[in-house]
Amino acid sequence: MNLIIIGAQASGKMTIGQEVARQTGMTLFHNHDSIDFVLRFMPWSQESTALIERIRFAFF
């Protein structure tokens, strides 16, 4: 099962996600996990943005 939490910046999405993960044992995949991973290996560009999107689609 996938749960996607959507909301405005600084609205508590991460806090809610962490609590859901804690209570259910689900794995939390935060949006920035994919960004941070790609940017360790390449600079921000069209190519890195495309790779970030591919990683996200692979998870969801």
C-alpha atoms as a PDB file:
ATOM      1  CA  MET A   1       0.000   0.000   0.000  1.00  0.00           C
ATOM      2  CA  ASN A   2       1.211   3.514  -0.800  1.00  0.00           C
ATOM      3  CA  LEU A   3       0.116   6.591   1.107  1.00  0.00           C
ATOM      4  CA  ILE A   4       0.808   9.966  -0.455  1.00  0.00           C
ATOM      5  CA  ILE A   5       0.578  13.030   1.772  1.00  0.00           C
ATOM      6  CA  ILE A   6       0.069  16.338  -0.035  1.00  0.00           C
ATOM      7  CA  GLY A   7       0.010  19.789   1.519  1.00  0.00           C
ATOM      8  CA  ALA A   8       1.477  23.254   1.619  1.00  0.00           C
ATOM      9  CA  GLN A   9       5.076  23.897   2.635  1.00  0.00           C
ATOM     10  CA  ALA A  10       5.706  23.564   6.370  1.00  0.00           C
ATOM     11  CA  SER A  11       2.210  22.155   6.980  1.00  0.00           C
ATOM     12  CA  GLY A  12       3.404  19.061   8.847  1.00  0.00           C
ATOM     13  CA  LYS A  13       3.529  16.465   6.059  1.00  0.00           C
ATOM     14  CA  MET A  14       6.833  15.020   7.255  1.00  0.00           C
ATOM     15  CA  THR A  15       5.649  14.887  10.871  1.00  0.00           C
ATOM     16  CA  ILE A  16       2.476  13.061   9.840  1.00  0.00           C
ATOM     17  CA  GLY A  17       4.460  10.723   7.584  1.00  0.00           C
ATOM     18  CA  GLN A  18       6.901   9.883  10.365  1.00  0.00           C
ATOM     19  CA  GLU A  19       4.068   9.125  12.770  1.00  0.00           C
ATOM     20  CA  VAL A  20       2.235   6.951  10.232  1.00  0.00           C
ATOM     21  CA  ALA A  21       5.477   5.071   9.541  1.00  0.00           C
ATOM     22  CA  ARG A  22       6.096   4.602  13.259  1.00  0.00           C
ATOM     23  CA  GLN A  23       2.589   3.308  13.952  1.00  0.00           C
ATOM     24  CA  THR A  24       2.252   1.070  10.892  1.00  0.00           C
ATOM     25  CA  GLY A  25       5.811  -0.046  10.176  1.00  0.00           C
ATOM     26  CA  MET A  26       5.546   1.407   6.666  1.00  0.00           C
ATOM     27  CA  THR A  27       8.677   2.851   5.059  1.00  0.00           C
ATOM     28  CA  LEU A  28       8.725   6.626   4.722  1.00  0.00           C
ATOM     29  CA  PHE A  29      10.008   7.913   1.380  1.00  0.00           C
ATOM     30  CA  HIS A  30      10.369  11.667   1.594  1.00  0.00           C
ATOM     31  CA  ASN A  31      10.391  13.760  -1.573  1.00  0.00           C
ATOM     32  CA  HIS A  32      13.862  15.096  -0.803  1.00  0.00           C
ATOM     33  CA  ASP A  33      15.333  11.596  -0.515  1.00  0.00           C
ATOM     34  CA  SER A  34      15.356  11.304  -4.306  1.00  0.00           C
ATOM     35  CA  ILE A  35      16.655  14.849  -4.818  1.00  0.00           C
ATOM     36  CA  ASP A  36      19.479  14.530  -2.287  1.00  0.00           C
ATOM     37  CA  PHE A  37      20.546  11.155  -3.675  1.00  0.00           C
ATOM     38  CA  VAL A  38      20.860  12.369  -7.278  1.00  0.00           C
ATOM     39  CA  LEU A  39      22.560  15.652  -6.370  1.00  0.00           C
ATOM     40  CA  ARG A  40      25.347  13.750  -4.598  1.00  0.00           C
ATOM     41  CA  PHE A  41      26.483  12.545  -8.017  1.00  0.00           C
ATOM     42  CA  MET A  42      25.573  15.328 -10.447  1.00  0.00           C
ATOM     43  CA  PRO A  43      24.709  19.039 -10.460  1.00  0.00           C
ATOM     44  CA  TRP A  44      21.160  20.359 -10.773  1.00  0.00           C
ATOM     45  CA  SER A  45      20.225  20.221 -14.465  1.00  0.00           C
ATOM     46  CA  GLN A  46      17.580  18.951 -16.867  1.00  0.00           C
ATOM     47  CA  GLU A  47      19.297  15.577 -16.779  1.00  0.00           C
ATOM     48  CA  SER A  48      19.284  15.374 -12.971  1.00  0.00           C
ATOM     49  CA  THR A  49      15.644  16.492 -12.840  1.00  0.00           C
ATOM     50  CA  ALA A  50      14.696  13.727 -15.276  1.00  0.00           C
ATOM     51  CA  LEU A  51      16.588  11.173 -13.183  1.00  0.00           C
ATOM     52  CA  ILE A  52      14.850  12.358  -9.998  1.00  0.00           C
ATOM     53  CA  GLU A  53      11.475  11.897 -11.698  1.00  0.00           C
ATOM     54  CA  ARG A  54      12.439   8.392 -12.866  1.00  0.00           C
ATOM     55  CA  ILE A  55      13.444   7.428  -9.328  1.00  0.00           C
ATOM     56  CA  ARG A  56      10.151   8.737  -7.932  1.00  0.00           C
ATOM     57  CA  PHE A  57       8.095   6.861 -10.524  1.00  0.00           C
ATOM     58  CA  ALA A  58      10.004   3.665  -9.731  1.00  0.00           C
ATOM     59  CA  PHE A  59       8.925   3.953  -6.087  1.00  0.00           C
ATOM     60  CA  PHE A  60       5.319   4.840  -6.813  1.00  0.00           C
END
